[in-house]
Protein backbone atom coordinates (compact mmCIF):
# COMPACT_ATOMS: atom_id res chain seq x y z
CA MET A 1 -107.99 -13.10 -158.26
CA THR A 2 -110.25 -15.80 -159.69
CA LYS A 3 -108.68 -18.37 -157.35
CA THR A 4 -108.86 -16.16 -154.26
CA LEU A 5 -112.39 -14.89 -154.88
CA PRO A 6 -114.05 -17.01 -157.56
CA ASN A 7 -117.29 -14.98 -157.36
CA PHE A 8 -115.55 -11.68 -157.87
CA LYS A 9 -116.13 -10.23 -161.33
CA LEU A 10 -113.13 -8.17 -162.40
CA PRO A 11 -114.35 -4.91 -163.96
CA SER A 12 -112.99 -3.76 -167.28
CA ARG A 13 -110.53 -0.88 -167.54
CA VAL A 14 -113.30 1.23 -169.10
CA THR A 15 -115.51 0.67 -166.05
CA ILE A 16 -112.66 1.48 -163.65
CA ALA A 17 -111.83 4.65 -165.59
CA ARG A 18 -115.49 5.69 -165.49
CA HIS A 19 -115.67 5.14 -161.72
CA CYS A 20 -112.43 7.09 -161.18
CA LEU A 21 -113.76 10.04 -163.17
CA ARG A 22 -117.06 9.93 -161.29
CA ILE A 23 -115.30 9.95 -157.90
CA TYR A 24 -113.03 12.77 -159.09
CA GLN A 25 -116.01 14.89 -160.15
CA GLU A 26 -117.84 14.21 -156.87
CA GLU A 27 -114.81 15.27 -154.83
CA LYS A 28 -114.31 18.33 -157.04
CA ASP A 29 -117.93 19.37 -156.50
CA LYS A 30 -117.43 19.05 -152.73
CA LEU A 31 -114.35 21.28 -152.87
CA LYS A 32 -116.18 23.79 -155.07
CA TYR A 33 -118.86 24.01 -152.41
CA LEU A 34 -116.25 24.55 -149.68
CA ILE A 35 -114.52 27.42 -151.46
CA LYS A 36 -117.71 29.04 -152.69
CA ASP A 37 -117.90 32.70 -151.55
CA GLN A 38 -114.48 32.38 -149.85
CA ARG A 39 -111.58 34.74 -150.52
CA VAL A 40 -109.04 32.38 -152.01
CA CYS A 41 -105.26 32.81 -152.05
CA LEU A 42 -103.26 30.83 -154.60
CA THR A 43 -99.73 29.48 -154.57
CA SER A 44 -98.19 27.81 -157.59
CA ASP A 45 -94.93 26.24 -158.66
CA THR A 46 -93.46 24.51 -161.71
CA TRP A 47 -90.67 21.99 -162.07
CA THR A 48 -89.16 19.53 -164.52
CA SER A 49 -89.10 15.78 -163.88
CA LEU A 50 -86.23 13.38 -164.50
CA GLN A 51 -87.96 12.53 -167.78
CA ASN A 52 -87.62 16.21 -168.79
CA LEU A 53 -91.39 16.76 -168.51
CA SER A 54 -92.68 20.04 -167.07
CA TYR A 55 -95.42 20.09 -164.43
CA MET A 56 -97.37 22.80 -162.64
CA VAL A 57 -99.27 22.69 -159.35
CA VAL A 58 -101.85 25.17 -158.04
CA THR A 59 -102.77 25.19 -154.35
CA ALA A 60 -105.69 27.13 -152.84
CA HIS A 61 -105.57 28.60 -149.32
CA TRP A 62 -108.49 30.15 -147.47
CA ILE A 63 -110.03 30.71 -144.04
CA ASP A 64 -113.29 28.81 -143.64
CA ASP A 65 -116.43 29.91 -141.80
CA ARG A 66 -115.03 28.52 -138.53
CA TRP A 67 -111.81 30.53 -138.89
CA ASN A 68 -109.73 27.46 -139.70
CA SER A 69 -106.94 27.70 -142.25
CA GLN A 70 -107.57 25.41 -145.21
CA LYS A 71 -105.14 24.31 -147.93
CA LYS A 72 -105.99 22.08 -150.89
CA ILE A 73 -104.07 21.10 -154.02
CA LEU A 74 -106.66 21.71 -156.73
CA ASN A 75 -104.66 21.33 -159.93
CA PHE A 76 -101.61 19.29 -160.90
CA PHE A 77 -100.99 19.06 -164.62
CA PRO A 78 -98.31 18.87 -167.32
CA THR A 79 -97.30 22.14 -168.95
CA PRO A 80 -95.31 22.70 -172.15
CA ASP A 81 -92.77 25.09 -170.58
CA HIS A 82 -92.03 27.46 -167.67
CA LYS A 83 -92.69 30.71 -169.52
CA GLY A 84 -94.61 33.48 -167.77
CA GLU A 85 -97.44 33.49 -170.30
CA THR A 86 -97.85 29.72 -169.94
CA ILE A 87 -98.00 29.97 -166.14
CA ALA A 88 -100.55 32.79 -166.30
CA LYS A 89 -102.66 30.84 -168.79
CA GLY A 90 -102.59 27.78 -166.51
CA ILE A 91 -103.81 29.85 -163.55
CA GLU A 92 -106.48 31.48 -165.71
CA GLU A 93 -107.83 28.10 -166.84
CA PHE A 94 -107.75 26.94 -163.21
CA LEU A 95 -109.84 29.92 -162.06
CA LEU A 96 -112.40 29.41 -164.81
CA GLY A 97 -112.57 25.65 -164.28
CA TRP A 98 -113.14 25.96 -160.54
CA GLY A 99 -115.44 28.98 -160.76
CA ILE A 100 -113.29 31.06 -158.39
CA ASP A 101 -114.22 34.74 -158.60
CA ASN A 102 -113.04 35.89 -155.15
CA LEU A 103 -109.30 35.68 -155.78
CA PHE A 104 -107.39 37.47 -153.02
CA THR A 105 -103.68 36.92 -153.74
CA VAL A 106 -101.36 34.92 -156.00
CA THR A 107 -97.97 33.94 -154.56
CA LEU A 108 -95.14 32.64 -156.74
CA ASP A 109 -91.39 32.33 -156.15
CA ASN A 110 -88.88 34.91 -157.37
CA ALA A 111 -88.11 33.29 -160.74
CA THR A 112 -87.97 35.73 -163.67
CA ALA A 113 -90.72 33.84 -165.49
CA ASN A 114 -93.05 34.45 -162.56
CA ASP A 115 -92.61 38.22 -162.89
CA ALA A 116 -93.87 37.89 -166.44
CA ALA A 117 -96.67 35.62 -165.24
CA ILE A 118 -97.89 38.27 -162.79
CA LYS A 119 -97.96 40.88 -165.54
CA HIS A 120 -100.05 38.57 -167.72
CA LEU A 121 -102.34 37.78 -164.78
CA LYS A 122 -103.00 41.46 -164.13
CA VAL A 123 -104.21 41.83 -167.70
CA LEU A 124 -106.26 38.64 -167.55
CA MET A 125 -107.85 39.49 -164.22
CA GLY A 126 -108.74 42.93 -165.48
CA THR A 127 -110.50 41.30 -168.42
CA LEU A 128 -112.17 38.41 -166.64
CA TYR A 129 -113.20 40.10 -163.42
CA VAL A 130 -114.11 43.78 -163.64
CA THR A 131 -114.46 44.58 -159.93
CA SER A 132 -114.87 48.36 -159.66
CA ASN A 133 -118.65 47.93 -159.35
CA CYS A 134 -118.10 45.60 -156.35
CA PHE A 135 -116.10 48.15 -154.34
CA PHE A 136 -119.06 50.06 -152.91
CA ARG A 137 -120.79 47.01 -151.43
CA GLU A 138 -117.54 45.47 -150.13
CA PHE A 139 -116.48 48.78 -148.59
CA PHE A 140 -119.64 49.35 -146.59
CA THR A 141 -119.96 45.68 -145.63
CA LEU A 142 -116.46 45.84 -144.15
CA ARG A 143 -117.21 49.16 -142.45
CA SER A 144 -120.36 47.71 -140.89
CA SER A 145 -118.54 44.55 -139.70
CA ILE A 146 -115.77 46.55 -138.03
CA LYS A 147 -118.36 48.72 -136.28
CA LYS A 148 -120.28 45.63 -135.16
CA TYR A 149 -117.30 43.78 -133.68
CA SER A 150 -115.87 46.88 -131.99
CA THR A 151 -118.84 46.81 -129.60
CA CYS A 152 -119.24 43.04 -129.08
CA GLU A 153 -118.67 41.18 -125.81
CA ASP A 154 -115.57 39.30 -126.98
CA LEU A 155 -112.62 41.48 -125.94
CA ILE A 156 -110.27 39.77 -128.42
CA LEU A 157 -112.59 40.65 -131.29
CA VAL A 158 -112.94 44.18 -129.91
CA ASP A 159 -109.15 44.65 -129.95
CA MET A 160 -108.92 43.26 -133.48
CA ALA A 161 -111.77 45.50 -134.67
CA ASP A 162 -110.15 48.59 -133.08
CA MET A 163 -106.85 47.91 -134.85
CA MET A 164 -108.66 47.35 -138.15
CA LYS A 165 -110.69 50.55 -137.65
CA SER A 166 -107.49 52.52 -137.14
CA LYS A 167 -106.11 51.30 -140.47
CA PHE A 168 -109.49 51.63 -142.16
CA ASP A 169 -109.92 55.25 -141.07
CA LYS A 170 -106.37 56.09 -142.11
CA TYR A 171 -107.00 55.16 -145.73
CA TRP A 172 -110.77 55.31 -146.13
CA GLY A 173 -112.11 57.38 -143.24
CA ASN A 174 -112.52 60.62 -145.20
CA PHE A 175 -115.39 60.20 -147.64
CA GLU A 176 -114.47 63.40 -149.50
CA ASN A 177 -111.03 61.97 -150.41
CA MET A 178 -112.50 58.80 -151.87
CA ASN A 179 -112.30 58.19 -155.61
CA MET A 180 -115.89 58.99 -156.63
CA LEU A 181 -115.55 56.94 -159.81
CA LEU A 182 -115.68 53.81 -157.64
CA LEU A 183 -119.09 54.95 -156.41
CA VAL A 184 -120.25 55.92 -159.90
CA ALA A 185 -119.44 52.38 -161.03
CA VAL A 186 -122.08 50.92 -158.73
CA VAL A 187 -124.68 53.39 -160.07
CA LEU A 188 -123.96 52.10 -163.59
CA ASP A 189 -124.40 48.50 -162.42
CA PRO A 190 -128.02 47.61 -163.36
CA ARG A 191 -128.32 45.46 -160.24
CA TYR A 192 -127.88 48.44 -157.90
CA LYS A 193 -128.25 51.91 -159.47
CA MET A 194 -128.69 55.16 -157.53
CA LYS A 195 -131.42 53.86 -155.21
CA TYR A 196 -128.96 51.39 -153.70
CA VAL A 197 -126.37 54.15 -153.19
CA ASN A 198 -128.98 56.36 -151.47
CA PHE A 199 -130.08 53.51 -149.20
CA THR A 200 -126.54 52.44 -148.23
CA LEU A 201 -125.23 55.96 -147.55
CA SER A 202 -128.32 56.82 -145.50
CA LYS A 203 -127.89 53.66 -143.43
CA ALA A 204 -124.16 54.27 -142.91
CA TYR A 205 -124.16 58.02 -142.18
CA GLY A 206 -127.73 58.82 -141.20
CA PRO A 207 -130.56 60.33 -143.29
CA LEU A 208 -129.24 63.92 -143.53
CA LEU A 209 -125.52 63.27 -144.04
CA GLY A 210 -126.29 60.28 -146.24
CA ARG A 211 -128.45 62.44 -148.53
CA LEU A 212 -125.67 65.03 -148.85
CA LYS A 213 -123.16 62.34 -149.81
CA SER A 214 -125.61 60.88 -152.32
CA GLU A 215 -125.89 64.34 -153.88
CA ASP A 216 -122.08 64.40 -154.22
CA VAL A 217 -122.18 61.10 -156.12
CA ALA A 218 -125.02 62.32 -158.34
CA SER A 219 -123.07 65.53 -159.04
CA VAL A 220 -120.03 63.58 -160.22
CA LEU A 221 -122.25 61.39 -162.41
CA THR A 222 -123.86 64.48 -163.95
CA ARG A 223 -120.48 66.09 -164.66
CA LEU A 224 -119.27 62.90 -166.35
CA TYR A 225 -122.35 62.84 -168.55
CA ASP A 226 -121.96 66.53 -169.43
CA SER A 227 -118.32 65.97 -170.33
CA TYR A 228 -119.19 62.97 -172.48
CA SER A 229 -121.99 64.89 -174.18
CA HIS A 230 -119.68 67.82 -174.87
CA TYR A 231 -117.09 65.66 -176.60
CA CYS A 232 -119.75 63.80 -178.59
CA LYS A 233 -121.09 67.09 -179.94
CA LYS A 234 -117.57 67.98 -181.07
CA GLY A 235 -117.37 64.71 -182.95
CA PHE A 236 -114.63 63.06 -180.87
């Protein structure tokens, strides 16, 4: 190199390593920005190299704001074994490291270890991301979006919205059959409370019907408190 480019100063390995880490962090920050607020699906696989070393890869899939399918390998790292708990722990550390809190699905192959991994993930996800308080907002946001697109000018979107509405009404159309505890959870969330429930139900169903549904939620909340108070008085 000194003969080809005499003026070129060869950087030290420490400098090169520092530049590589800086570029890596910059690219990671860009990807974090891309997947922020996106519903992310994960696929993962493990294998053993010819040197008998185990590796694991985690790939993220999502639909961006322009409705384009995106796929990025976000983690590739050595792992001590292929056990289910190890796989689950690797995915957990991945989620925390990348700040992903809108996980939609996790897809693994049909290996026995992956069955164990899914069981561990269910426990971990229940601990890391308690989502019952998010149901209310997500439910009515989806309901509003379906209603909006069912009357738009794009006939393709209208057809899609009509099919989604059919499925939506089948499972969630009857408010009285809904698990009221999911609505109580948002009342207990200090960010929302009962005022938010009153506002949302009034906007979705109209002032009169919305008030009646809010009273149903308040009634369930009162009964829960009475039940709790009763057991506390008994010393349980």
